[in-house]
PDB file of all heavy atoms in Angstrom:
ATOM      1  N   HIS A   1      -1.899   6.220 -12.784  1.00  0.00           N
ATOM      2  CA  HIS A   1      -0.928   5.199 -13.231  1.00  0.00           C
ATOM      3  C   HIS A   1      -0.023   4.735 -12.105  1.00  0.00           C
ATOM      4  O   HIS A   1       0.392   5.528 -11.273  1.00  0.00           O
ATOM      5  CB  HIS A   1      -0.107   5.747 -14.398  1.00  0.00           C
ATOM      6  CG  HIS A   1      -0.919   5.988 -15.636  1.00  0.00           C
ATOM      7  ND1 HIS A   1      -1.525   4.958 -16.335  1.00  0.00           N
ATOM      8  CD2 HIS A   1      -1.231   7.134 -16.312  1.00  0.00           C
ATOM      9  CE1 HIS A   1      -2.159   5.465 -17.388  1.00  0.00           C
ATOM     10  NE2 HIS A   1      -2.018   6.777 -17.391  1.00  0.00           N
ATOM     11  N   ARG A   2       0.282   3.442 -12.143  1.00  0.00           N
ATOM     12  CA  ARG A   2       1.127   2.835 -11.106  1.00  0.00           C
ATOM     13  C   ARG A   2       2.438   2.352 -11.689  1.00  0.00           C
ATOM     14  O   ARG A   2       3.025   1.371 -11.214  1.00  0.00           O
ATOM     15  CB  ARG A   2       0.355   1.681 -10.476  1.00  0.00           C
ATOM     16  CG  ARG A   2      -0.804   2.166  -9.601  1.00  0.00           C
ATOM     17  CD  ARG A   2      -1.724   1.040  -9.238  1.00  0.00           C
ATOM     18  NE  ARG A   2      -2.616   1.410  -8.133  1.00  0.00           N
ATOM     19  CZ  ARG A   2      -3.634   0.681  -7.701  1.00  0.00           C
ATOM     20  NH1 ARG A   2      -3.894  -0.471  -8.317  1.00  0.00           N
ATOM     21  NH2 ARG A   2      -4.384   1.054  -6.709  1.00  0.00           N
ATOM     22  N   ASP A   3       2.922   3.040 -12.708  1.00  0.00           N
ATOM     23  CA  ASP A   3       4.195   2.689 -13.354  1.00  0.00           C
ATOM     24  C   ASP A   3       5.353   3.479 -12.787  1.00  0.00           C
ATOM     25  O   ASP A   3       6.427   3.482 -13.349  1.00  0.00           O
ATOM     26  CB  ASP A   3       4.094   2.938 -14.857  1.00  0.00           C
ATOM     27  CG  ASP A   3       3.803   4.425 -15.152  1.00  0.00           C
ATOM     28  OD1 ASP A   3       3.180   5.091 -14.309  1.00  0.00           O
ATOM     29  OD2 ASP A   3       4.201   4.892 -16.223  1.00  0.00           O
ATOM     30  N   GLN A   4       5.126   4.159 -11.658  1.00  0.00           N
ATOM     31  CA  GLN A   4       6.100   5.037 -11.025  1.00  0.00           C
ATOM     32  C   GLN A   4       6.358   6.301 -11.849  1.00  0.00           C
ATOM     33  O   GLN A   4       7.430   6.900 -11.743  1.00  0.00           O
ATOM     34  CB  GLN A   4       7.412   4.317 -10.709  1.00  0.00           C
ATOM     35  CG  GLN A   4       7.281   3.231  -9.642  1.00  0.00           C
ATOM     36  CD  GLN A   4       8.615   2.617  -9.272  1.00  0.00           C
ATOM     37  OE1 GLN A   4       9.138   1.772  -9.993  1.00  0.00           O
ATOM     38  NE2 GLN A   4       9.165   3.049  -8.164  1.00  0.00           N
ATOM     39  N   SER A   5       5.376   6.688 -12.640  1.00  0.00           N
ATOM     40  CA  SER A   5       5.449   7.981 -13.310  1.00  0.00           C
ATOM     41  C   SER A   5       4.537   8.995 -12.628  1.00  0.00           C
ATOM     42  O   SER A   5       4.661  10.187 -12.866  1.00  0.00           O
ATOM     43  CB  SER A   5       5.070   7.864 -14.779  1.00  0.00           C
ATOM     44  OG  SER A   5       3.682   7.560 -14.936  1.00  0.00           O
ATOM     45  N   ALA A   6       3.599   8.525 -11.815  1.00  0.00           N
ATOM     46  CA  ALA A   6       2.816   9.455 -10.999  1.00  0.00           C
ATOM     47  C   ALA A   6       3.698   9.969  -9.867  1.00  0.00           C
ATOM     48  O   ALA A   6       4.592   9.258  -9.379  1.00  0.00           O
ATOM     49  CB  ALA A   6       1.594   8.749 -10.421  1.00  0.00           C
ATOM     50  N   SER A   7       3.444  11.191  -9.420  1.00  0.00           N
ATOM     51  CA  SER A   7       4.231  11.669  -8.291  1.00  0.00           C
ATOM     52  C   SER A   7       3.962  10.802  -7.064  1.00  0.00           C
ATOM     53  O   SER A   7       4.879  10.556  -6.256  1.00  0.00           O
ATOM     54  CB  SER A   7       3.919  13.146  -7.985  1.00  0.00           C
ATOM     55  OG  SER A   7       2.557  13.284  -7.669  1.00  0.00           O
ATOM     56  N   ALA A   8       2.754  10.308  -6.962  1.00  0.00           N
ATOM     57  CA  ALA A   8       2.409   9.378  -5.880  1.00  0.00           C
ATOM     58  C   ALA A   8       1.133   8.646  -6.238  1.00  0.00           C
ATOM     59  O   ALA A   8       0.270   9.197  -6.929  1.00  0.00           O
ATOM     60  CB  ALA A   8       2.241  10.113  -4.562  1.00  0.00           C
ATOM     61  N   THR A   9       1.012   7.433  -5.783  1.00  0.00           N
ATOM     62  CA  THR A   9      -0.223   6.670  -5.860  1.00  0.00           C
ATOM     63  C   THR A   9      -0.143   5.610  -4.788  1.00  0.00           C
ATOM     64  O   THR A   9       0.882   5.461  -4.102  1.00  0.00           O
ATOM     65  CB  THR A   9      -0.422   6.059  -7.258  1.00  0.00           C
ATOM     66  OG1 THR A   9      -1.736   5.454  -7.313  1.00  0.00           O
ATOM     67  CG2 THR A   9       0.615   4.994  -7.567  1.00  0.00           C
ATOM     68  N   TYR A  10      -1.200   4.846  -4.630  1.00  0.00           N
ATOM     69  CA  TYR A  10      -1.182   3.834  -3.564  1.00  0.00           C
ATOM     70  C   TYR A  10      -2.096   2.671  -3.936  1.00  0.00           C
ATOM     71  O   TYR A  10      -2.934   2.747  -4.815  1.00  0.00           O
ATOM     72  CB  TYR A  10      -1.626   4.449  -2.236  1.00  0.00           C
ATOM     73  CG  TYR A  10      -3.076   4.873  -2.156  1.00  0.00           C
ATOM     74  CD1 TYR A  10      -4.034   4.080  -1.533  1.00  0.00           C
ATOM     75  CD2 TYR A  10      -3.494   6.096  -2.709  1.00  0.00           C
ATOM     76  CE1 TYR A  10      -5.351   4.478  -1.454  1.00  0.00           C
ATOM     77  CE2 TYR A  10      -4.812   6.499  -2.642  1.00  0.00           C
ATOM     78  CZ  TYR A  10      -5.746   5.686  -2.007  1.00  0.00           C
ATOM     79  OH  TYR A  10      -7.061   6.084  -1.939  1.00  0.00           O
ATOM     80  N   TYR A  11      -1.863   1.583  -3.226  1.00  0.00           N
ATOM     81  CA  TYR A  11      -2.719   0.408  -3.278  1.00  0.00           C
ATOM     82  C   TYR A  11      -2.764  -0.144  -1.879  1.00  0.00           C
ATOM     83  O   TYR A  11      -2.338   0.529  -0.911  1.00  0.00           O
ATOM     84  CB  TYR A  11      -2.203  -0.620  -4.299  1.00  0.00           C
ATOM     85  CG  TYR A  11      -0.779  -1.093  -4.068  1.00  0.00           C
ATOM     86  CD1 TYR A  11      -0.540  -2.290  -3.396  1.00  0.00           C
ATOM     87  CD2 TYR A  11       0.310  -0.356  -4.529  1.00  0.00           C
ATOM     88  CE1 TYR A  11       0.766  -2.735  -3.190  1.00  0.00           C
ATOM     89  CE2 TYR A  11       1.613  -0.785  -4.314  1.00  0.00           C
ATOM     90  CZ  TYR A  11       1.825  -1.979  -3.636  1.00  0.00           C
ATOM     91  OH  TYR A  11       3.101  -2.415  -3.423  1.00  0.00           O
ATOM     92  N   PHE A  12      -3.300  -1.341  -1.705  1.00  0.00           N
ATOM     93  CA  PHE A  12      -3.407  -1.909  -0.359  1.00  0.00           C
ATOM     94  C   PHE A  12      -2.787  -3.297  -0.301  1.00  0.00           C
ATOM     95  O   PHE A  12      -2.702  -4.002  -1.317  1.00  0.00           O
ATOM     96  CB  PHE A  12      -4.895  -2.022   0.054  1.00  0.00           C
ATOM     97  CG  PHE A  12      -5.588  -0.709   0.264  1.00  0.00           C
ATOM     98  CD1 PHE A  12      -6.262  -0.096  -0.779  1.00  0.00           C
ATOM     99  CD2 PHE A  12      -5.552  -0.078   1.493  1.00  0.00           C
ATOM    100  CE1 PHE A  12      -6.918   1.104  -0.613  1.00  0.00           C
ATOM    101  CE2 PHE A  12      -6.195   1.125   1.685  1.00  0.00           C
ATOM    102  CZ  PHE A  12      -6.873   1.722   0.644  1.00  0.00           C
ATOM    103  N   ARG A  13      -2.362  -3.655   0.861  1.00  0.00           N
ATOM    104  CA  ARG A  13      -1.936  -5.035   1.109  1.00  0.00           C
ATOM    105  C   ARG A  13      -2.548  -5.478   2.441  1.00  0.00           C
ATOM    106  O   ARG A  13      -2.889  -4.657   3.307  1.00  0.00           O
ATOM    107  CB  ARG A  13      -0.425  -5.138   1.154  1.00  0.00           C
ATOM    108  CG  ARG A  13       0.239  -4.447   2.334  1.00  0.00           C
ATOM    109  CD  ARG A  13       1.736  -4.518   2.240  1.00  0.00           C
ATOM    110  NE  ARG A  13       2.369  -3.695   3.265  1.00  0.00           N
ATOM    111  CZ  ARG A  13       3.627  -3.231   3.209  1.00  0.00           C
ATOM    112  NH1 ARG A  13       4.379  -3.520   2.132  1.00  0.00           N
ATOM    113  NH2 ARG A  13       4.123  -2.495   4.160  1.00  0.00           N
ATOM    114  N   GLU A  14      -2.662  -6.784   2.581  1.00  0.00           N
ATOM    115  CA  GLU A  14      -3.210  -7.330   3.805  1.00  0.00           C
ATOM    116  C   GLU A  14      -2.180  -7.212   4.924  1.00  0.00           C
ATOM    117  O   GLU A  14      -0.991  -7.492   4.722  1.00  0.00           O
ATOM    118  CB  GLU A  14      -3.609  -8.776   3.614  1.00  0.00           C
ATOM    119  CG  GLU A  14      -4.721  -8.965   2.600  1.00  0.00           C
ATOM    120  CD  GLU A  14      -5.145 -10.426   2.480  1.00  0.00           C
ATOM    121  OE1 GLU A  14      -4.755 -11.241   3.360  1.00  0.00           O
ATOM    122  OE2 GLU A  14      -5.861 -10.753   1.521  1.00  0.00           O
ATOM    123  N   LYS A  15      -2.647  -6.827   6.081  1.00  0.00           N
ATOM    124  CA  LYS A  15      -1.753  -6.741   7.231  1.00  0.00           C
ATOM    125  C   LYS A  15      -1.403  -8.153   7.700  1.00  0.00           C
ATOM    126  O   LYS A  15      -2.148  -9.108   7.492  1.00  0.00           O
ATOM    127  CB  LYS A  15      -2.435  -5.985   8.371  1.00  0.00           C
ATOM    128  CG  LYS A  15      -2.636  -4.500   8.091  1.00  0.00           C
ATOM    129  CD  LYS A  15      -3.259  -3.813   9.297  1.00  0.00           C
ATOM    130  CE  LYS A  15      -3.437  -2.338   9.043  1.00  0.00           C
ATOM    131  NZ  LYS A  15      -4.060  -1.652  10.221  1.00  0.00           N
ATOM    132  N   SER A  16      -0.259  -8.264   8.287  1.00  0.00           N
ATOM    133  CA  SER A  16       0.140  -9.554   8.857  1.00  0.00           C
ATOM    134  C   SER A  16      -0.773  -9.878  10.036  1.00  0.00           C
ATOM    135  O   SER A  16      -1.350  -8.967  10.663  1.00  0.00           O
ATOM    136  CB  SER A  16       1.600  -9.516   9.304  1.00  0.00           C
ATOM    137  OG  SER A  16       1.788  -8.453  10.246  1.00  0.00           O
ATOM    138  N   PRO A  17      -0.958 -11.166  10.371  1.00  0.00           N
ATOM    139  CA  PRO A  17      -1.919 -11.572  11.406  1.00  0.00           C
ATOM    140  C   PRO A  17      -1.836 -10.792  12.713  1.00  0.00           C
ATOM    141  O   PRO A  17      -2.863 -10.419  13.259  1.00  0.00           O
ATOM    142  CB  PRO A  17      -1.594 -13.061  11.603  1.00  0.00           C
ATOM    143  CG  PRO A  17      -1.082 -13.484  10.274  1.00  0.00           C
ATOM    144  CD  PRO A  17      -0.316 -12.311   9.731  1.00  0.00           C
ATOM    145  N   PRO A  18      -0.650 -10.483  13.260  1.00  0.00           N
ATOM    146  CA  PRO A  18      -0.620  -9.749  14.524  1.00  0.00           C
ATOM    147  C   PRO A  18      -1.252  -8.367  14.446  1.00  0.00           C
ATOM    148  O   PRO A  18      -1.596  -7.772  15.465  1.00  0.00           O
ATOM    149  CB  PRO A  18       0.873  -9.649  14.844  1.00  0.00           C
ATOM    150  CG  PRO A  18       1.515 -10.759  14.093  1.00  0.00           C
ATOM    151  CD  PRO A  18       0.700 -10.877  12.838  1.00  0.00           C
ATOM    152  N   HIS A  19      -1.386  -7.850  13.214  1.00  0.00           N
ATOM    153  CA  HIS A  19      -1.881  -6.493  13.058  1.00  0.00           C
ATOM    154  C   HIS A  19      -3.294  -6.444  12.494  1.00  0.00           C
ATOM    155  O   HIS A  19      -3.796  -5.381  12.148  1.00  0.00           O
ATOM    156  CB  HIS A  19      -0.966  -5.710  12.134  1.00  0.00           C
ATOM    157  CG  HIS A  19       0.462  -5.638  12.629  1.00  0.00           C
ATOM    158  ND1 HIS A  19       0.837  -4.861  13.692  1.00  0.00           N
ATOM    159  CD2 HIS A  19       1.572  -6.280  12.212  1.00  0.00           C
ATOM    160  CE1 HIS A  19       2.144  -4.997  13.917  1.00  0.00           C
ATOM    161  NE2 HIS A  19       2.603  -5.863  13.023  1.00  0.00           N
ATOM    162  N   ARG A  20      -3.945  -7.612  12.408  1.00  0.00           N
ATOM    163  CA  ARG A  20      -5.311  -7.628  11.904  1.00  0.00           C
ATOM    164  C   ARG A  20      -6.276  -7.107  12.960  1.00  0.00           C
ATOM    165  O   ARG A  20      -5.980  -7.065  14.148  1.00  0.00           O
ATOM    166  CB  ARG A  20      -5.723  -9.045  11.493  1.00  0.00           C
ATOM    167  CG  ARG A  20      -5.043  -9.533  10.229  1.00  0.00           C
ATOM    168  CD  ARG A  20      -5.518 -10.936   9.859  1.00  0.00           C
ATOM    169  NE  ARG A  20      -4.901 -11.389   8.632  1.00  0.00           N
ATOM    170  CZ  ARG A  20      -5.364 -11.162   7.429  1.00  0.00           C
ATOM    171  NH1 ARG A  20      -6.487 -10.466   7.309  1.00  0.00           N
ATOM    172  NH2 ARG A  20      -4.763 -11.600   6.360  1.00  0.00           N
ATOM    173  N   CYS A  21      -7.472  -6.715  12.498  1.00  0.00           N
ATOM    174  CA  CYS A  21      -8.479  -6.190  13.398  1.00  0.00           C
ATOM    175  C   CYS A  21      -8.981  -7.280  14.350  1.00  0.00           C
ATOM    176  O   CYS A  21      -9.055  -8.461  13.989  1.00  0.00           O
ATOM    177  CB  CYS A  21      -9.663  -5.620  12.609  1.00  0.00           C
ATOM    178  SG  CYS A  21      -9.172  -4.264  11.525  1.00  0.00           S
ATOM    179  N   ASP A  22      -9.335  -6.886  15.534  1.00  0.00           N
ATOM    180  CA  ASP A  22      -9.780  -7.838  16.547  1.00  0.00           C
ATOM    181  C   ASP A  22     -11.077  -8.514  16.170  1.00  0.00           C
ATOM    182  O   ASP A  22     -11.357  -9.637  16.623  1.00  0.00           O
ATOM    183  CB  ASP A  22      -9.949  -7.134  17.902  1.00  0.00           C
ATOM    184  CG  ASP A  22      -8.622  -6.639  18.470  1.00  0.00           C
ATOM    185  OD1 ASP A  22      -7.585  -7.220  18.083  1.00  0.00           O
ATOM    186  OD2 ASP A  22      -8.639  -5.692  19.291  1.00  0.00           O
ATOM    187  N   ASP A  23     -11.912  -7.843  15.346  1.00  0.00           N
ATOM    188  CA  ASP A  23     -13.204  -8.426  14.997  1.00  0.00           C
ATOM    189  C   ASP A  23     -13.078  -9.492  13.904  1.00  0.00           C
ATOM    190  O   ASP A  23     -14.083 -10.043  13.467  1.00  0.00           O
ATOM    191  CB  ASP A  23     -14.181  -7.337  14.569  1.00  0.00           C
ATOM    192  CG  ASP A  23     -13.713  -6.551  13.345  1.00  0.00           C
ATOM    193  OD1 ASP A  23     -12.668  -6.925  12.757  1.00  0.00           O
ATOM    194  OD2 ASP A  23     -14.391  -5.598  12.966  1.00  0.00           O
ATOM    195  N   GLY A  24     -11.865  -9.751  13.447  1.00  0.00           N
ATOM    196  CA  GLY A  24     -11.634 -10.802  12.451  1.00  0.00           C
ATOM    197  C   GLY A  24     -11.813 -10.332  11.027  1.00  0.00           C
ATOM    198  O   GLY A  24     -11.607 -11.117  10.104  1.00  0.00           O
ATOM    199  N   SER A  25     -12.245  -9.105  10.810  1.00  0.00           N
ATOM    200  CA  SER A  25     -12.426  -8.628   9.457  1.00  0.00           C
ATOM    201  C   SER A  25     -11.079  -8.409   8.778  1.00  0.00           C
ATOM    202  O   SER A  25     -10.056  -8.234   9.437  1.00  0.00           O
ATOM    203  CB  SER A  25     -13.228  -7.319   9.461  1.00  0.00           C
ATOM    204  OG  SER A  25     -12.515  -6.320  10.171  1.00  0.00           O
ATOM    205  N   GLU A  26     -11.107  -8.424   7.447  1.00  0.00           N
ATOM    206  CA  GLU A  26      -9.885  -8.238   6.714  1.00  0.00           C
ATOM    207  C   GLU A  26      -9.302  -6.871   6.979  1.00  0.00           C
ATOM    208  O   GLU A  26     -10.010  -5.851   6.935  1.00  0.00           O
ATOM    209  CB  GLU A  26     -10.132  -8.412   5.216  1.00  0.00           C
ATOM    210  CG  GLU A  26      -8.868  -8.317   4.380  1.00  0.00           C
ATOM    211  CD  GLU A  26      -9.162  -8.466   2.897  1.00  0.00           C
ATOM    212  OE1 GLU A  26     -10.134  -7.864   2.426  1.00  0.00           O
ATOM    213  OE2 GLU A  26      -8.416  -9.192   2.223  1.00  0.00           O
ATOM    214  N   ALA A  27      -8.037  -6.812   7.269  1.00  0.00           N
ATOM    215  CA  ALA A  27      -7.377  -5.531   7.558  1.00  0.00           C
ATOM    216  C   ALA A  27      -6.404  -5.212   6.430  1.00  0.00           C
ATOM    217  O   ALA A  27      -5.530  -6.033   6.122  1.00  0.00           O
ATOM    218  CB  ALA A  27      -6.644  -5.606   8.884  1.00  0.00           C
ATOM    219  N   LEU A  28      -6.575  -4.070   5.823  1.00  0.00           N
ATOM    220  CA  LEU A  28      -5.703  -3.638   4.749  1.00  0.00           C
ATOM    221  C   LEU A  28      -4.968  -2.382   5.170  1.00  0.00           C
ATOM    222  O   LEU A  28      -5.482  -1.565   5.927  1.00  0.00           O
ATOM    223  CB  LEU A  28      -6.533  -3.350   3.493  1.00  0.00           C
ATOM    224  CG  LEU A  28      -7.330  -4.509   2.896  1.00  0.00           C
ATOM    225  CD1 LEU A  28      -8.161  -4.024   1.709  1.00  0.00           C
ATOM    226  CD2 LEU A  28      -6.421  -5.647   2.470  1.00  0.00           C
ATOM    227  N   GLU A  29      -3.750  -2.265   4.645  1.00  0.00           N
ATOM    228  CA  GLU A  29      -2.991  -1.049   4.905  1.00  0.00           C
ATOM    229  C   GLU A  29      -2.521  -0.469   3.572  1.00  0.00           C
ATOM    230  O   GLU A  29      -2.280  -1.197   2.613  1.00  0.00           O
ATOM    231  CB  GLU A  29      -1.776  -1.359   5.801  1.00  0.00           C
ATOM    232  CG  GLU A  29      -0.805  -2.363   5.245  1.00  0.00           C
ATOM    233  CD  GLU A  29       0.325  -2.671   6.201  1.00  0.00           C
ATOM    234  OE1 GLU A  29       0.384  -2.033   7.237  1.00  0.00           O
ATOM    235  OE2 GLU A  29       1.131  -3.567   5.885  1.00  0.00           O
ATOM    236  N   GLU A  30      -2.393   0.847   3.540  1.00  0.00           N
ATOM    237  CA  GLU A  30      -1.968   1.530   2.324  1.00  0.00           C
ATOM    238  C   GLU A  30      -0.483   1.285   2.064  1.00  0.00           C
ATOM    239  O   GLU A  30       0.336   1.283   2.977  1.00  0.00           O
ATOM    240  CB  GLU A  30      -2.214   3.036   2.448  1.00  0.00           C
ATOM    241  CG  GLU A  30      -3.670   3.416   2.476  1.00  0.00           C
ATOM    242  CD  GLU A  30      -3.846   4.906   2.655  1.00  0.00           C
ATOM    243  OE1 GLU A  30      -2.824   5.618   2.762  1.00  0.00           O
ATOM    244  OE2 GLU A  30      -5.010   5.377   2.685  1.00  0.00           O
ATOM    245  N   VAL A  31      -0.181   1.096   0.783  1.00  0.00           N
ATOM    246  CA  VAL A  31       1.201   1.024   0.328  1.00  0.00           C
ATOM    247  C   VAL A  31       1.382   2.122  -0.713  1.00  0.00           C
ATOM    248  O   VAL A  31       0.687   2.127  -1.735  1.00  0.00           O
ATOM    249  CB  VAL A  31       1.546  -0.353  -0.303  1.00  0.00           C
ATOM    250  CG1 VAL A  31       3.000  -0.378  -0.750  1.00  0.00           C
ATOM    251  CG2 VAL A  31       1.259  -1.461   0.691  1.00  0.00           C
ATOM    252  N   TRP A  32       2.287   3.043  -0.473  1.00  0.00           N
ATOM    253  CA  TRP A  32       2.474   4.204  -1.357  1.00  0.00           C
ATOM    254  C   TRP A  32       3.616   3.951  -2.317  1.00  0.00           C
ATOM    255  O   TRP A  32       4.650   3.416  -1.959  1.00  0.00           O
ATOM    256  CB  TRP A  32       2.689   5.458  -0.534  1.00  0.00           C
ATOM    257  CG  TRP A  32       1.388   5.963   0.007  1.00  0.00           C
ATOM    258  CD1 TRP A  32       0.759   5.532   1.133  1.00  0.00           C
ATOM    259  CD2 TRP A  32       0.522   6.902  -0.618  1.00  0.00           C
ATOM    260  NE1 TRP A  32      -0.460   6.177   1.271  1.00  0.00           N
ATOM    261  CE2 TRP A  32      -0.622   7.020   0.227  1.00  0.00           C
ATOM    262  CE3 TRP A  32       0.586   7.683  -1.772  1.00  0.00           C
ATOM    263  CZ2 TRP A  32      -1.681   7.885  -0.085  1.00  0.00           C
ATOM    264  CZ3 TRP A  32      -0.444   8.543  -2.076  1.00  0.00           C
ATOM    265  CH2 TRP A  32      -1.564   8.634  -1.234  1.00  0.00           C
ATOM    266  N   LEU A  33       3.388   4.368  -3.549  1.00  0.00           N
ATOM    267  CA  LEU A  33       4.363   4.214  -4.627  1.00  0.00           C
ATOM    268  C   LEU A  33       4.642   5.604  -5.185  1.00  0.00           C
ATOM    269  O   LEU A  33       3.719   6.319  -5.577  1.00  0.00           O
ATOM    270  CB  LEU A  33       3.761   3.314  -5.715  1.00  0.00           C
ATOM    271  CG  LEU A  33       4.647   2.858  -6.855  1.00  0.00           C
ATOM    272  CD1 LEU A  33       5.728   1.906  -6.338  1.00  0.00           C
ATOM    273  CD2 LEU A  33       3.821   2.166  -7.934  1.00  0.00           C
ATOM    274  N   TYR A  34       5.922   5.969  -5.209  1.00  0.00           N
ATOM    275  CA  TYR A  34       6.291   7.334  -5.597  1.00  0.00           C
ATOM    276  C   TYR A  34       7.018   7.375  -6.928  1.00  0.00           C
ATOM    277  O   TYR A  34       7.462   6.362  -7.453  1.00  0.00           O
ATOM    278  CB  TYR A  34       7.146   7.972  -4.500  1.00  0.00           C
ATOM    279  CG  TYR A  34       6.400   8.153  -3.189  1.00  0.00           C
ATOM    280  CD1 TYR A  34       6.615   7.288  -2.114  1.00  0.00           C
ATOM    281  CD2 TYR A  34       5.448   9.151  -3.058  1.00  0.00           C
ATOM    282  CE1 TYR A  34       5.915   7.446  -0.923  1.00  0.00           C
ATOM    283  CE2 TYR A  34       4.732   9.327  -1.878  1.00  0.00           C
ATOM    284  CZ  TYR A  34       4.964   8.473  -0.814  1.00  0.00           C
ATOM    285  OH  TYR A  34       4.266   8.623   0.348  1.00  0.00           O
ATOM    286  N   ASN A  35       7.097   8.565  -7.465  1.00  0.00           N
ATOM    287  CA  ASN A  35       7.700   8.798  -8.770  1.00  0.00           C
ATOM    288  C   ASN A  35       9.149   8.290  -8.785  1.00  0.00           C
ATOM    289  O   ASN A  35       9.925   8.587  -7.889  1.00  0.00           O
ATOM    290  CB  ASN A  35       7.679  10.312  -9.068  1.00  0.00           C
ATOM    291  CG  ASN A  35       8.136  10.652 -10.463  1.00  0.00           C
ATOM    292  OD1 ASN A  35       8.357   9.791 -11.295  1.00  0.00           O
ATOM    293  ND2 ASN A  35       8.260  11.936 -10.740  1.00  0.00           N
ATOM    294  N   ARG A  36       9.464   7.538  -9.821  1.00  0.00           N
ATOM    295  CA  ARG A  36      10.818   7.024  -9.984  1.00  0.00           C
ATOM    296  C   ARG A  36      11.691   8.101 -10.606  1.00  0.00           C
ATOM    297  O   ARG A  36      11.557   8.424 -11.784  1.00  0.00           O
ATOM    298  CB  ARG A  36      10.816   5.771 -10.853  1.00  0.00           C
ATOM    299  CG  ARG A  36      12.176   5.077 -10.966  1.00  0.00           C
ATOM    300  CD  ARG A  36      12.076   3.951 -12.022  1.00  0.00           C
ATOM    301  NE  ARG A  36      13.245   3.106 -12.068  1.00  0.00           N
ATOM    302  CZ  ARG A  36      14.419   3.432 -12.604  1.00  0.00           C
ATOM    303  NH1 ARG A  36      14.583   4.640 -13.111  1.00  0.00           N
ATOM    304  NH2 ARG A  36      15.415   2.560 -12.625  1.00  0.00           N
ATOM    305  N   ILE A  37      12.582   8.668  -9.810  1.00  0.00           N
ATOM    306  CA  ILE A  37      13.463   9.698 -10.304  1.00  0.00           C
ATOM    307  C   ILE A  37      14.679   9.070 -10.968  1.00  0.00           C
ATOM    308  O   ILE A  37      15.321   8.183 -10.392  1.00  0.00           O
ATOM    309  CB  ILE A  37      13.925  10.621  -9.150  1.00  0.00           C
ATOM    310  CG1 ILE A  37      12.703  11.195  -8.413  1.00  0.00           C
ATOM    311  CG2 ILE A  37      14.811  11.758  -9.677  1.00  0.00           C
ATOM    312  CD1 ILE A  37      11.791  12.029  -9.249  1.00  0.00           C
ATOM    313  N   LEU A  38      14.988   9.485 -12.181  1.00  0.00           N
ATOM    314  CA  LEU A  38      16.137   8.912 -12.887  1.00  0.00           C
ATOM    315  C   LEU A  38      17.446   9.234 -12.179  1.00  0.00           C
ATOM    316  O   LEU A  38      17.641  10.345 -11.672  1.00  0.00           O
ATOM    317  CB  LEU A  38      16.195   9.446 -14.317  1.00  0.00           C
ATOM    318  CG  LEU A  38      15.007   9.105 -15.227  1.00  0.00           C
ATOM    319  CD1 LEU A  38      15.232   9.703 -16.618  1.00  0.00           C
ATOM    320  CD2 LEU A  38      14.800   7.615 -15.330  1.00  0.00           C
ATOM    321  N   LYS A  39      18.311   8.264 -12.121  1.00  0.00           N
ATOM    322  CA  LYS A  39      19.620   8.459 -11.541  1.00  0.00           C
ATOM    323  C   LYS A  39      20.576   9.086 -12.557  1.00  0.00           C
ATOM    324  O   LYS A  39      20.377   8.941 -13.775  1.00  0.00           O
ATOM    325  CB  LYS A  39      20.186   7.110 -11.062  1.00  0.00           C
ATOM    326  CG  LYS A  39      19.324   6.418 -10.019  1.00  0.00           C
ATOM    327  CD  LYS A  39      19.867   5.040  -9.693  1.00  0.00           C
ATOM    328  CE  LYS A  39      18.971   4.336  -8.687  1.00  0.00           C
ATOM    329  NZ  LYS A  39      19.455   2.950  -8.381  1.00  0.00           N
TER     330      LYS A  39
END
């Protein structure tokens, strides 16, 4: 689950152009989502 009830999970986003692969292929980077602790 990605509702911030998992201790951790992840998805991907596209890297900005300066950080894309030299071969022109799509470059993705992990984005981690952590458990939302109640205040």
